[in-house]
Amino acid sequence: MNDTNKTVELEEFESSKASDLLGEDVLPESDEAGLEAMYGIPITVSAVLGETKMPIKQLLKLGRGAVIELDRKVGEAIDIYVNNRLIARGEVVIVEDKLGVTMTEIVKSEKVNSKG
């Protein structure tokens, strides 16, 4: 199975136009001004620390103070999703008394060609 995602360093992303990263025909320059109409659309951003699988029987035995071991190591990048689509990887940071995420790399998905 081919991985359809590529990573782009954050500095490269910041200095590129969206149409350069997504493909020429995705966002023509004449339509970039039209993006302002989309600025108010709500999206869901999720930062995933890791995952694990367990049977329901084990899940039901968990109680207060239980530790669930995830598939990531300390210091490993976390995944950042927008509307359930992986868009970046990053690191957990503390901002005042809250957790935050700083993006360290952008995940660029390849365009799928349906012409075979």
PDB file of N, CA and C in Angstrom:
ATOM      1  N   MET A   1       0.844  -1.185   0.000  1.00  0.00           N
ATOM      2  CA  MET A   1       0.000   0.000   0.000  1.00  0.00           C
ATOM      3  C   MET A   1       0.882   1.239   0.000  1.00  0.00           C
ATOM      4  N   ASN A   2       0.663   2.156  -0.936  1.00  0.00           N
ATOM      5  CA  ASN A   2       1.469   3.359  -1.044  1.00  0.00           C
ATOM      6  C   ASN A   2       0.996   4.402  -0.050  1.00  0.00           C
ATOM      7  N   ASP A   3       1.954   5.079   0.582  1.00  0.00           N
ATOM      8  CA  ASP A   3       1.631   6.174   1.474  1.00  0.00           C
ATOM      9  C   ASP A   3       1.357   7.402   0.613  1.00  0.00           C
ATOM     10  N   THR A   4       0.183   7.999   0.768  1.00  0.00           N
ATOM     11  CA  THR A   4      -0.192   9.120  -0.089  1.00  0.00           C
ATOM     12  C   THR A   4       0.140  10.462   0.534  1.00  0.00           C
ATOM     13  N   ASN A   5       0.870  10.465   1.646  1.00  0.00           N
ATOM     14  CA  ASN A   5       1.210  11.721   2.298  1.00  0.00           C
ATOM     15  C   ASN A   5       2.698  11.995   2.185  1.00  0.00           C
ATOM     16  N   LYS A   6       3.059  13.270   2.006  1.00  0.00           N
ATOM     17  CA  LYS A   6       4.445  13.724   2.028  1.00  0.00           C
ATOM     18  C   LYS A   6       4.554  14.763   3.119  1.00  0.00           C
ATOM     19  N   THR A   7       5.749  14.928   3.678  1.00  0.00           N
ATOM     20  CA  THR A   7       5.929  15.966   4.671  1.00  0.00           C
ATOM     21  C   THR A   7       6.642  17.148   4.044  1.00  0.00           C
ATOM     22  N   VAL A   8       6.291  18.326   4.507  1.00  0.00           N
ATOM     23  CA  VAL A   8       6.888  19.571   4.032  1.00  0.00           C
ATOM     24  C   VAL A   8       7.362  20.314   5.267  1.00  0.00           C
ATOM     25  N   GLU A   9       8.613  20.730   5.285  1.00  0.00           N
ATOM     26  CA  GLU A   9       9.118  21.482   6.419  1.00  0.00           C
ATOM     27  C   GLU A   9       8.305  22.760   6.576  1.00  0.00           C
ATOM     28  N   LEU A  10       8.083  23.189   7.798  1.00  0.00           N
ATOM     29  CA  LEU A  10       7.225  24.330   8.083  1.00  0.00           C
ATOM     30  C   LEU A  10       7.733  25.599   7.408  1.00  0.00           C
ATOM     31  N   GLU A  11       9.056  25.818   7.378  1.00  0.00           N
ATOM     32  CA  GLU A  11       9.593  27.010   6.736  1.00  0.00           C
ATOM     33  C   GLU A  11       9.231  27.025   5.252  1.00  0.00           C
ATOM     34  N   GLU A  12       9.295  25.861   4.598  1.00  0.00           N
ATOM     35  CA  GLU A  12       8.950  25.758   3.183  1.00  0.00           C
ATOM     36  C   GLU A  12       7.480  26.075   2.972  1.00  0.00           C
ATOM     37  N   PHE A  13       6.618  25.605   3.887  1.00  0.00           N
ATOM     38  CA  PHE A  13       5.188  25.851   3.786  1.00  0.00           C
ATOM     39  C   PHE A  13       4.882  27.343   3.918  1.00  0.00           C
ATOM     40  N   GLU A  14       5.529  27.991   4.884  1.00  0.00           N
ATOM     41  CA  GLU A  14       5.248  29.397   5.122  1.00  0.00           C
ATOM     42  C   GLU A  14       5.657  30.269   3.943  1.00  0.00           C
ATOM     43  N   SER A  15       6.689  29.854   3.195  1.00  0.00           N
ATOM     44  CA  SER A  15       7.159  30.678   2.088  1.00  0.00           C
ATOM     45  C   SER A  15       6.508  30.300   0.763  1.00  0.00           C
ATOM     46  N   SER A  16       5.607  29.330   0.770  1.00  0.00           N
ATOM     47  CA  SER A  16       4.947  28.890  -0.452  1.00  0.00           C
ATOM     48  C   SER A  16       3.510  29.367  -0.477  1.00  0.00           C
ATOM     49  N   LYS A  17       2.965  29.488  -1.683  1.00  0.00           N
ATOM     50  CA  LYS A  17       1.544  29.770  -1.813  1.00  0.00           C
ATOM     51  C   LYS A  17       0.789  28.451  -1.676  1.00  0.00           C
ATOM     52  N   ALA A  18      -0.456  28.515  -1.265  1.00  0.00           N
ATOM     53  CA  ALA A  18      -1.273  27.317  -1.120  1.00  0.00           C
ATOM     54  C   ALA A  18      -1.368  26.560  -2.430  1.00  0.00           C
ATOM     55  N   SER A  19      -1.471  27.277  -3.551  1.00  0.00           N
ATOM     56  CA  SER A  19      -1.605  26.610  -4.839  1.00  0.00           C
ATOM     57  C   SER A  19      -0.341  25.849  -5.208  1.00  0.00           C
ATOM     58  N   ASP A  20       0.836  26.289  -4.729  1.00  0.00           N
ATOM     59  CA  ASP A  20       2.076  25.573  -4.990  1.00  0.00           C
ATOM     60  C   ASP A  20       2.087  24.231  -4.273  1.00  0.00           C
ATOM     61  N   LEU A  21       1.554  24.203  -3.052  1.00  0.00           N
ATOM     62  CA  LEU A  21       1.575  22.980  -2.263  1.00  0.00           C
ATOM     63  C   LEU A  21       0.457  22.017  -2.636  1.00  0.00           C
ATOM     64  N   LEU A  22      -0.708  22.546  -2.990  1.00  0.00           N
ATOM     65  CA  LEU A  22      -1.861  21.702  -3.248  1.00  0.00           C
ATOM     66  C   LEU A  22      -2.005  21.322  -4.713  1.00  0.00           C
ATOM     67  N   GLY A  23      -1.321  21.986  -5.589  1.00  0.00           N
ATOM     68  CA  GLY A  23      -1.444  21.710  -7.015  1.00  0.00           C
ATOM     69  C   GLY A  23      -1.962  22.938  -7.725  1.00  0.00           C
ATOM     70  N   GLU A  24      -1.502  23.136  -8.953  1.00  0.00           N
ATOM     71  CA  GLU A  24      -1.826  24.352  -9.690  1.00  0.00           C
ATOM     72  C   GLU A  24      -3.320  24.559  -9.877  1.00  0.00           C
ATOM     73  N   ASP A  25      -4.053  23.487 -10.157  1.00  0.00           N
ATOM     74  CA  ASP A  25      -5.468  23.646 -10.474  1.00  0.00           C
ATOM     75  C   ASP A  25      -6.369  23.646  -9.252  1.00  0.00           C
ATOM     76  N   VAL A  26      -5.812  23.480  -8.062  1.00  0.00           N
ATOM     77  CA  VAL A  26      -6.633  23.456  -6.856  1.00  0.00           C
ATOM     78  C   VAL A  26      -7.039  24.865  -6.444  1.00  0.00           C
ATOM     79  N   LEU A  27      -6.125  25.815  -6.531  1.00  0.00           N
ATOM     80  CA  LEU A  27      -6.398  27.161  -6.051  1.00  0.00           C
ATOM     81  C   LEU A  27      -5.794  28.188  -7.000  1.00  0.00           C
ATOM     82  N   PRO A  28      -6.478  28.475  -8.104  1.00  0.00           N
ATOM     83  CA  PRO A  28      -5.957  29.483  -9.026  1.00  0.00           C
ATOM     84  C   PRO A  28      -5.845  30.837  -8.336  1.00  0.00           C
ATOM     85  N   GLU A  29      -4.860  31.649  -8.750  1.00  0.00           N
ATOM     86  CA  GLU A  29      -4.637  32.941  -8.103  1.00  0.00           C
ATOM     87  C   GLU A  29      -5.866  33.824  -8.141  1.00  0.00           C
ATOM     88  N   SER A  30      -6.660  33.739  -9.206  1.00  0.00           N
ATOM     89  CA  SER A  30      -7.856  34.580  -9.301  1.00  0.00           C
ATOM     90  C   SER A  30      -8.882  34.230  -8.228  1.00  0.00           C
ATOM     91  N   ASP A  31      -8.834  33.008  -7.704  1.00  0.00           N
ATOM     92  CA  ASP A  31      -9.779  32.580  -6.677  1.00  0.00           C
ATOM     93  C   ASP A  31      -9.261  32.806  -5.262  1.00  0.00           C
ATOM     94  N   GLU A  32      -7.976  33.157  -5.102  1.00  0.00           N
ATOM     95  CA  GLU A  32      -7.426  33.342  -3.765  1.00  0.00           C
ATOM     96  C   GLU A  32      -8.166  34.425  -3.001  1.00  0.00           C
ATOM     97  N   ALA A  33      -8.567  35.485  -3.672  1.00  0.00           N
ATOM     98  CA  ALA A  33      -9.314  36.547  -3.003  1.00  0.00           C
ATOM     99  C   ALA A  33     -10.682  36.039  -2.552  1.00  0.00           C
ATOM    100  N   GLY A  34     -11.249  35.083  -3.266  1.00  0.00           N
ATOM    101  CA  GLY A  34     -12.534  34.508  -2.914  1.00  0.00           C
ATOM    102  C   GLY A  34     -12.496  33.659  -1.659  1.00  0.00           C
ATOM    103  N   LEU A  35     -11.311  33.353  -1.151  1.00  0.00           N
ATOM    104  CA  LEU A  35     -11.182  32.568   0.075  1.00  0.00           C
ATOM    105  C   LEU A  35     -11.754  33.294   1.281  1.00  0.00           C
ATOM    106  N   GLU A  36     -11.803  34.614   1.221  1.00  0.00           N
ATOM    107  CA  GLU A  36     -12.308  35.378   2.353  1.00  0.00           C
ATOM    108  C   GLU A  36     -13.711  34.948   2.740  1.00  0.00           C
ATOM    109  N   ALA A  37     -14.496  34.473   1.804  1.00  0.00           N
ATOM    110  CA  ALA A  37     -15.854  34.019   2.094  1.00  0.00           C
ATOM    111  C   ALA A  37     -15.843  32.772   2.970  1.00  0.00           C
ATOM    112  N   MET A  38     -14.744  32.037   2.968  1.00  0.00           N
ATOM    113  CA  MET A  38     -14.660  30.793   3.736  1.00  0.00           C
ATOM    114  C   MET A  38     -14.071  30.994   5.124  1.00  0.00           C
ATOM    115  N   TYR A  39     -13.555  32.165   5.437  1.00  0.00           N
ATOM    116  CA  TYR A  39     -12.872  32.398   6.701  1.00  0.00           C
ATOM    117  C   TYR A  39     -13.739  32.141   7.924  1.00  0.00           C
ATOM    118  N   GLY A  40     -15.039  32.298   7.821  1.00  0.00           N
ATOM    119  CA  GLY A  40     -15.925  32.109   8.959  1.00  0.00           C
ATOM    120  C   GLY A  40     -16.414  30.677   9.152  1.00  0.00           C
ATOM    121  N   ILE A  41     -16.056  29.758   8.255  1.00  0.00           N
ATOM    122  CA  ILE A  41     -16.522  28.375   8.355  1.00  0.00           C
ATOM    123  C   ILE A  41     -15.800  27.678   9.499  1.00  0.00           C
ATOM    124  N   PRO A  42     -16.542  27.095  10.445  1.00  0.00           N
ATOM    125  CA  PRO A  42     -15.894  26.418  11.564  1.00  0.00           C
ATOM    126  C   PRO A  42     -15.273  25.083  11.132  1.00  0.00           C
ATOM    127  N   ILE A  43     -14.124  24.763  11.718  1.00  0.00           N
ATOM    128  CA  ILE A  43     -13.455  23.486  11.480  1.00  0.00           C
ATOM    129  C   ILE A  43     -13.117  22.871  12.825  1.00  0.00           C
ATOM    130  N   THR A  44     -12.818  21.591  12.828  1.00  0.00           N
ATOM    131  CA  THR A  44     -12.405  20.901  14.040  1.00  0.00           C
ATOM    132  C   THR A  44     -10.928  20.556  13.917  1.00  0.00           C
ATOM    133  N   VAL A  45     -10.132  21.036  14.870  1.00  0.00           N
ATOM    134  CA  VAL A  45      -8.704  20.736  14.907  1.00  0.00           C
ATOM    135  C   VAL A  45      -8.462  19.804  16.079  1.00  0.00           C
ATOM    136  N   SER A  46      -7.798  18.667  15.812  1.00  0.00           N
ATOM    137  CA  SER A  46      -7.508  17.681  16.847  1.00  0.00           C
ATOM    138  C   SER A  46      -6.020  17.396  16.883  1.00  0.00           C
ATOM    139  N   ALA A  47      -5.478  17.259  18.085  1.00  0.00           N
ATOM    140  CA  ALA A  47      -4.081  16.864  18.262  1.00  0.00           C
ATOM    141  C   ALA A  47      -4.087  15.490  18.928  1.00  0.00           C
ATOM    142  N   VAL A  48      -3.542  14.493  18.241  1.00  0.00           N
ATOM    143  CA  VAL A  48      -3.591  13.114  18.731  1.00  0.00           C
ATOM    144  C   VAL A  48      -2.228  12.744  19.310  1.00  0.00           C
ATOM    145  N   LEU A  49      -2.216  12.476  20.611  1.00  0.00           N
ATOM    146  CA  LEU A  49      -0.979  12.093  21.291  1.00  0.00           C
ATOM    147  C   LEU A  49      -0.542  10.687  20.923  1.00  0.00           C
ATOM    148  N   GLY A  50      -1.485   9.810  20.679  1.00  0.00           N
ATOM    149  CA  GLY A  50      -1.183   8.422  20.351  1.00  0.00           C
ATOM    150  C   GLY A  50      -2.445   7.595  20.393  1.00  0.00           C
ATOM    151  N   GLU A  51      -2.287   6.323  20.104  1.00  0.00           N
ATOM    152  CA  GLU A  51      -3.429   5.409  20.080  1.00  0.00           C
ATOM    153  C   GLU A  51      -3.057   4.092  20.735  1.00  0.00           C
ATOM    154  N   THR A  52      -4.066   3.331  21.070  1.00  0.00           N
ATOM    155  CA  THR A  52      -3.874   1.964  21.544  1.00  0.00           C
ATOM    156  C   THR A  52      -5.138   1.175  21.245  1.00  0.00           C
ATOM    157  N   LYS A  53      -5.029  -0.117  21.182  1.00  0.00           N
ATOM    158  CA  LYS A  53      -6.189  -0.991  20.993  1.00  0.00           C
ATOM    159  C   LYS A  53      -6.303  -1.900  22.198  1.00  0.00           C
ATOM    160  N   MET A  54      -7.538  -2.111  22.612  1.00  0.00           N
ATOM    161  CA  MET A  54      -7.791  -3.008  23.739  1.00  0.00           C
ATOM    162  C   MET A  54      -9.200  -3.564  23.614  1.00  0.00           C
ATOM    163  N   PRO A  55      -9.415  -4.734  24.147  1.00  0.00           N
ATOM    164  CA  PRO A  55     -10.771  -5.294  24.120  1.00  0.00           C
ATOM    165  C   PRO A  55     -11.685  -4.537  25.088  1.00  0.00           C
ATOM    166  N   ILE A  56     -12.964  -4.566  24.809  1.00  0.00           N
ATOM    167  CA  ILE A  56     -13.945  -3.877  25.655  1.00  0.00           C
ATOM    168  C   ILE A  56     -13.856  -4.355  27.101  1.00  0.00           C
ATOM    169  N   LYS A  57     -13.593  -5.630  27.289  1.00  0.00           N
ATOM    170  CA  LYS A  57     -13.479  -6.178  28.642  1.00  0.00           C
ATOM    171  C   LYS A  57     -12.414  -5.445  29.451  1.00  0.00           C
ATOM    172  N   GLN A  58     -11.269  -5.176  28.820  1.00  0.00           N
ATOM    173  CA  GLN A  58     -10.190  -4.458  29.488  1.00  0.00           C
ATOM    174  C   GLN A  58     -10.573  -2.998  29.728  1.00  0.00           C
ATOM    175  N   LEU A  59     -11.236  -2.384  28.753  1.00  0.00           N
ATOM    176  CA  LEU A  59     -11.684  -1.000  28.887  1.00  0.00           C
ATOM    177  C   LEU A  59     -12.629  -0.847  30.078  1.00  0.00           C
ATOM    178  N   LEU A  60     -13.535  -1.787  30.250  1.00  0.00           N
ATOM    179  CA  LEU A  60     -14.504  -1.708  31.340  1.00  0.00           C
ATOM    180  C   LEU A  60     -13.853  -1.876  32.717  1.00  0.00           C
ATOM    181  N   LYS A  61     -12.669  -2.461  32.765  1.00  0.00           N
ATOM    182  CA  LYS A  61     -11.961  -2.636  34.030  1.00  0.00           C
ATOM    183  C   LYS A  61     -11.168  -1.398  34.442  1.00  0.00           C
ATOM    184  N   LEU A  62     -11.026  -0.430  33.532  1.00  0.00           N
ATOM    185  CA  LEU A  62     -10.255   0.771  33.849  1.00  0.00           C
ATOM    186  C   LEU A  62     -10.985   1.604  34.891  1.00  0.00           C
ATOM    187  N   GLY A  63     -10.242   2.169  35.782  1.00  0.00           N
ATOM    188  CA  GLY A  63     -10.820   3.035  36.807  1.00  0.00           C
ATOM    189  C   GLY A  63      -9.962   4.269  36.985  1.00  0.00           C
ATOM    190  N   ARG A  64     -10.337   5.047  37.959  1.00  0.00           N
ATOM    191  CA  ARG A  64      -9.594   6.281  38.241  1.00  0.00           C
ATOM    192  C   ARG A  64      -8.130   5.942  38.517  1.00  0.00           C
ATOM    193  N   GLY A  65      -7.221   6.679  37.869  1.00  0.00           N
ATOM    194  CA  GLY A  65      -5.787   6.456  38.072  1.00  0.00           C
ATOM    195  C   GLY A  65      -5.186   5.415  37.155  1.00  0.00           C
ATOM    196  N   ALA A  66      -6.023   4.750  36.340  1.00  0.00           N
ATOM    197  CA  ALA A  66      -5.504   3.744  35.412  1.00  0.00           C
ATOM    198  C   ALA A  66      -4.639   4.430  34.353  1.00  0.00           C
ATOM    199  N   VAL A  67      -3.621   3.747  33.894  1.00  0.00           N
ATOM    200  CA  VAL A  67      -2.733   4.282  32.866  1.00  0.00           C
ATOM    201  C   VAL A  67      -2.944   3.491  31.588  1.00  0.00           C
ATOM    202  N   ILE A  68      -3.176   4.208  30.505  1.00  0.00           N
ATOM    203  CA  ILE A  68      -3.331   3.572  29.189  1.00  0.00           C
ATOM    204  C   ILE A  68      -2.062   3.873  28.404  1.00  0.00           C
ATOM    205  N   GLU A  69      -1.341   2.825  28.026  1.00  0.00           N
ATOM    206  CA  GLU A  69      -0.096   2.997  27.284  1.00  0.00           C
ATOM    207  C   GLU A  69      -0.410   3.261  25.816  1.00  0.00           C
ATOM    208  N   LEU A  70       0.171   4.341  25.280  1.00  0.00           N
ATOM    209  CA  LEU A  70      -0.043   4.721  23.890  1.00  0.00           C
ATOM    210  C   LEU A  70       1.097   4.221  23.012  1.00  0.00           C
ATOM    211  N   ASP A  71       0.915   4.326  21.705  1.00  0.00           N
ATOM    212  CA  ASP A  71       1.899   3.816  20.748  1.00  0.00           C
ATOM    213  C   ASP A  71       3.012   4.813  20.422  1.00  0.00           C
ATOM    214  N   ARG A  72       3.139   5.888  21.172  1.00  0.00           N
ATOM    215  CA  ARG A  72       4.169   6.905  20.926  1.00  0.00           C
ATOM    216  C   ARG A  72       5.162   6.941  22.068  1.00  0.00           C
ATOM    217  N   LYS A  73       6.373   7.374  21.746  1.00  0.00           N
ATOM    218  CA  LYS A  73       7.402   7.552  22.753  1.00  0.00           C
ATOM    219  C   LYS A  73       7.444   9.029  23.169  1.00  0.00           C
ATOM    220  N   VAL A  74       8.004   9.293  24.327  1.00  0.00           N
ATOM    221  CA  VAL A  74       8.156  10.660  24.814  1.00  0.00           C
ATOM    222  C   VAL A  74       9.026  11.427  23.821  1.00  0.00           C
ATOM    223  N   GLY A  75       8.594  12.627  23.451  1.00  0.00           N
ATOM    224  CA  GLY A  75       9.350  13.456  22.523  1.00  0.00           C
ATOM    225  C   GLY A  75       9.024  13.213  21.061  1.00  0.00           C
ATOM    226  N   GLU A  76       8.263  12.172  20.762  1.00  0.00           N
ATOM    227  CA  GLU A  76       7.883  11.875  19.383  1.00  0.00           C
ATOM    228  C   GLU A  76       6.778  12.845  18.942  1.00  0.00           C
ATOM    229  N   ALA A  77       6.785  13.212  17.672  1.00  0.00           N
ATOM    230  CA  ALA A  77       5.800  14.163  17.148  1.00  0.00           C
ATOM    231  C   ALA A  77       4.386  13.609  17.280  1.00  0.00           C
ATOM    232  N   ILE A  78       3.438  14.517  17.517  1.00  0.00           N
ATOM    233  CA  ILE A  78       2.030  14.128  17.566  1.00  0.00           C
ATOM    234  C   ILE A  78       1.372  14.502  16.245  1.00  0.00           C
ATOM    235  N   ASP A  79       0.245  13.885  15.939  1.00  0.00           N
ATOM    236  CA  ASP A  79      -0.467  14.155  14.694  1.00  0.00           C
ATOM    237  C   ASP A  79      -1.505  15.252  14.918  1.00  0.00           C
ATOM    238  N   ILE A  80      -1.608  16.159  13.937  1.00  0.00           N
ATOM    239  CA  ILE A  80      -2.579  17.243  13.996  1.00  0.00           C
ATOM    240  C   ILE A  80      -3.547  17.056  12.832  1.00  0.00           C
ATOM    241  N   TYR A  81      -4.822  16.940  13.165  1.00  0.00           N
ATOM    242  CA  TYR A  81      -5.865  16.698  12.172  1.00  0.00           C
ATOM    243  C   TYR A  81      -6.776  17.909  12.061  1.00  0.00           C
ATOM    244  N   VAL A  82      -7.252  18.200  10.861  1.00  0.00           N
ATOM    245  CA  VAL A  82      -8.297  19.185  10.631  1.00  0.00           C
ATOM    246  C   VAL A  82      -9.440  18.436   9.966  1.00  0.00           C
ATOM    247  N   ASN A  83     -10.595  18.448  10.617  1.00  0.00           N
ATOM    248  CA  ASN A  83     -11.764  17.700  10.141  1.00  0.00           C
ATOM    249  C   ASN A  83     -11.404  16.261   9.804  1.00  0.00           C
ATOM    250  N   ASN A  84     -10.706  15.596  10.709  1.00  0.00           N
ATOM    251  CA  ASN A  84     -10.312  14.183  10.604  1.00  0.00           C
ATOM    252  C   ASN A  84      -9.334  13.891   9.468  1.00  0.00           C
ATOM    253  N   ARG A  85      -8.644  14.905   8.971  1.00  0.00           N
ATOM    254  CA  ARG A  85      -7.638  14.706   7.922  1.00  0.00           C
ATOM    255  C   ARG A  85      -6.282  15.153   8.451  1.00  0.00           C
ATOM    256  N   LEU A  86      -5.293  14.266   8.385  1.00  0.00           N
ATOM    257  CA  LEU A  86      -3.954  14.588   8.874  1.00  0.00           C
ATOM    258  C   LEU A  86      -3.358  15.714   8.036  1.00  0.00           C
ATOM    259  N   ILE A  87      -2.986  16.812   8.707  1.00  0.00           N
ATOM    260  CA  ILE A  87      -2.407  17.948   7.981  1.00  0.00           C
ATOM    261  C   ILE A  87      -1.010  18.313   8.458  1.00  0.00           C
ATOM    262  N   ALA A  88      -0.653  17.898   9.685  1.00  0.00           N
ATOM    263  CA  ALA A  88       0.640  18.310  10.224  1.00  0.00           C
ATOM    264  C   ALA A  88       1.061  17.398  11.366  1.00  0.00           C
ATOM    265  N   ARG A  89       2.310  17.573  11.768  1.00  0.00           N
ATOM    266  CA  ARG A  89       2.840  16.923  12.969  1.00  0.00           C
ATOM    267  C   ARG A  89       3.435  18.031  13.830  1.00  0.00           C
ATOM    268  N   GLY A  90       3.465  17.802  15.126  1.00  0.00           N
ATOM    269  CA  GLY A  90       3.960  18.862  15.990  1.00  0.00           C
ATOM    270  C   GLY A  90       4.373  18.378  17.352  1.00  0.00           C
ATOM    271  N   GLU A  91       4.610  19.334  18.232  1.00  0.00           N
ATOM    272  CA  GLU A  91       5.044  19.058  19.600  1.00  0.00           C
ATOM    273  C   GLU A  91       4.088  19.731  20.580  1.00  0.00           C
ATOM    274  N   VAL A  92       3.919  19.103  21.734  1.00  0.00           N
ATOM    275  CA  VAL A  92       3.077  19.667  22.784  1.00  0.00           C
ATOM    276  C   VAL A  92       3.856  20.776  23.485  1.00  0.00           C
ATOM    277  N   VAL A  93       3.196  21.904  23.724  1.00  0.00           N
ATOM    278  CA  VAL A  93       3.797  23.030  24.445  1.00  0.00           C
ATOM    279  C   VAL A  93       2.825  23.483  25.526  1.00  0.00           C
ATOM    280  N   ILE A  94       3.344  24.230  26.481  1.00  0.00           N
ATOM    281  CA  ILE A  94       2.505  24.801  27.537  1.00  0.00           C
ATOM    282  C   ILE A  94       2.405  26.298  27.300  1.00  0.00           C
ATOM    283  N   VAL A  95       1.166  26.808  27.233  1.00  0.00           N
ATOM    284  CA  VAL A  95       0.904  28.229  27.047  1.00  0.00           C
ATOM    285  C   VAL A  95       0.130  28.691  28.273  1.00  0.00           C
ATOM    286  N   GLU A  96       0.817  29.445  29.140  1.00  0.00           N
ATOM    287  CA  GLU A  96       0.278  29.843  30.438  1.00  0.00           C
ATOM    288  C   GLU A  96      -0.119  28.582  31.195  1.00  0.00           C
ATOM    289  N   ASP A  97      -1.404  28.361  31.447  1.00  0.00           N
ATOM    290  CA  ASP A  97      -1.804  27.168  32.187  1.00  0.00           C
ATOM    291  C   ASP A  97      -2.530  26.158  31.305  1.00  0.00           C
ATOM    292  N   LYS A  98      -2.366  26.268  29.979  1.00  0.00           N
ATOM    293  CA  LYS A  98      -3.047  25.367  29.050  1.00  0.00           C
ATOM    294  C   LYS A  98      -2.045  24.652  28.155  1.00  0.00           C
ATOM    295  N   LEU A  99      -2.463  23.510  27.628  1.00  0.00           N
ATOM    296  CA  LEU A  99      -1.646  22.791  26.654  1.00  0.00           C
ATOM    297  C   LEU A  99      -1.893  23.357  25.266  1.00  0.00           C
ATOM    298  N   GLY A 100      -0.873  23.347  24.454  1.00  0.00           N
ATOM    299  CA  GLY A 100      -0.990  23.783  23.072  1.00  0.00           C
ATOM    300  C   GLY A 100      -0.143  22.886  22.194  1.00  0.00           C
ATOM    301  N   VAL A 101      -0.159  23.152  20.912  1.00  0.00           N
ATOM    302  CA  VAL A 101       0.612  22.369  19.953  1.00  0.00           C
ATOM    303  C   VAL A 101       1.324  23.327  19.021  1.00  0.00           C
ATOM    304  N   THR A 102       2.594  23.087  18.796  1.00  0.00           N
ATOM    305  CA  THR A 102       3.335  23.856  17.805  1.00  0.00           C
ATOM    306  C   THR A 102       3.612  22.936  16.619  1.00  0.00           C
ATOM    307  N   MET A 103       3.290  23.409  15.415  1.00  0.00           N
ATOM    308  CA  MET A 103       3.484  22.575  14.228  1.00  0.00           C
ATOM    309  C   MET A 103       4.949  22.580  13.823  1.00  0.00           C
ATOM    310  N   THR A 104       5.506  21.398  13.598  1.00  0.00           N
ATOM    311  CA  THR A 104       6.895  21.280  13.186  1.00  0.00           C
ATOM    312  C   THR A 104       7.024  20.865  11.729  1.00  0.00           C
ATOM    313  N   GLU A 105       5.998  20.230  11.192  1.00  0.00           N
ATOM    314  CA  GLU A 105       6.002  19.882   9.770  1.00  0.00           C
ATOM    315  C   GLU A 105       4.582  19.782   9.249  1.00  0.00           C
ATOM    316  N   ILE A 106       4.404  20.139   7.990  1.00  0.00           N
ATOM    317  CA  ILE A 106       3.117  20.067   7.321  1.00  0.00           C
ATOM    318  C   ILE A 106       3.105  18.789   6.492  1.00  0.00           C
ATOM    319  N   VAL A 107       2.009  18.045   6.551  1.00  0.00           N
ATOM    320  CA  VAL A 107       1.871  16.826   5.754  1.00  0.00           C
ATOM    321  C   VAL A 107       1.128  17.191   4.491  1.00  0.00           C
ATOM    322  N   LYS A 108       1.781  16.988   3.364  1.00  0.00           N
ATOM    323  CA  LYS A 108       1.199  17.326   2.065  1.00  0.00           C
ATOM    324  C   LYS A 108       0.686  16.038   1.436  1.00  0.00           C
ATOM    325  N   SER A 109      -0.614  15.983   1.143  1.00  0.00           N
ATOM    326  CA  SER A 109      -1.157  14.783   0.508  1.00  0.00           C
ATOM    327  C   SER A 109      -1.010  14.914  -0.996  1.00  0.00           C
ATOM    328  N   GLU A 110      -0.676  13.807  -1.627  1.00  0.00           N
ATOM    329  CA  GLU A 110      -0.528  13.801  -3.073  1.00  0.00           C
ATOM    330  C   GLU A 110      -1.892  13.789  -3.718  1.00  0.00           C
ATOM    331  N   LYS A 111      -1.976  14.405  -4.853  1.00  0.00           N
ATOM    332  CA  LYS A 111      -3.214  14.403  -5.610  1.00  0.00           C
ATOM    333  C   LYS A 111      -3.396  13.036  -6.251  1.00  0.00           C
ATOM    334  N   VAL A 112      -4.561  12.459  -6.122  1.00  0.00           N
ATOM    335  CA  VAL A 112      -4.840  11.144  -6.687  1.00  0.00           C
ATOM    336  C   VAL A 112      -5.332  11.322  -8.105  1.00  0.00           C
ATOM    337  N   ASN A 113      -4.701  10.637  -9.042  1.00  0.00           N
ATOM    338  CA  ASN A 113      -5.076  10.722 -10.448  1.00  0.00           C
ATOM    339  C   ASN A 113      -6.068   9.596 -10.753  1.00  0.00           C
ATOM    340  N   SER A 114      -7.285   9.922 -11.127  1.00  0.00           N
ATOM    341  CA  SER A 114      -8.309   8.910 -11.359  1.00  0.00           C
ATOM    342  C   SER A 114      -8.303   8.385 -12.785  1.00  0.00           C
ATOM    343  N   LYS A 115      -7.380   8.842 -13.625  1.00  0.00           N
ATOM    344  CA  LYS A 115      -7.352   8.401 -15.012  1.00  0.00           C
ATOM    345  C   LYS A 115      -6.580   7.106 -15.207  1.00  0.00           C
ATOM    346  N   GLY A 116      -6.183   6.473 -14.128  1.00  0.00           N
ATOM    347  CA  GLY A 116      -5.527   5.176 -14.240  1.00  0.00           C
ATOM    348  C   GLY A 116      -4.117   5.287 -14.373  1.00  0.00           C
TER     349      GLY A 116
END
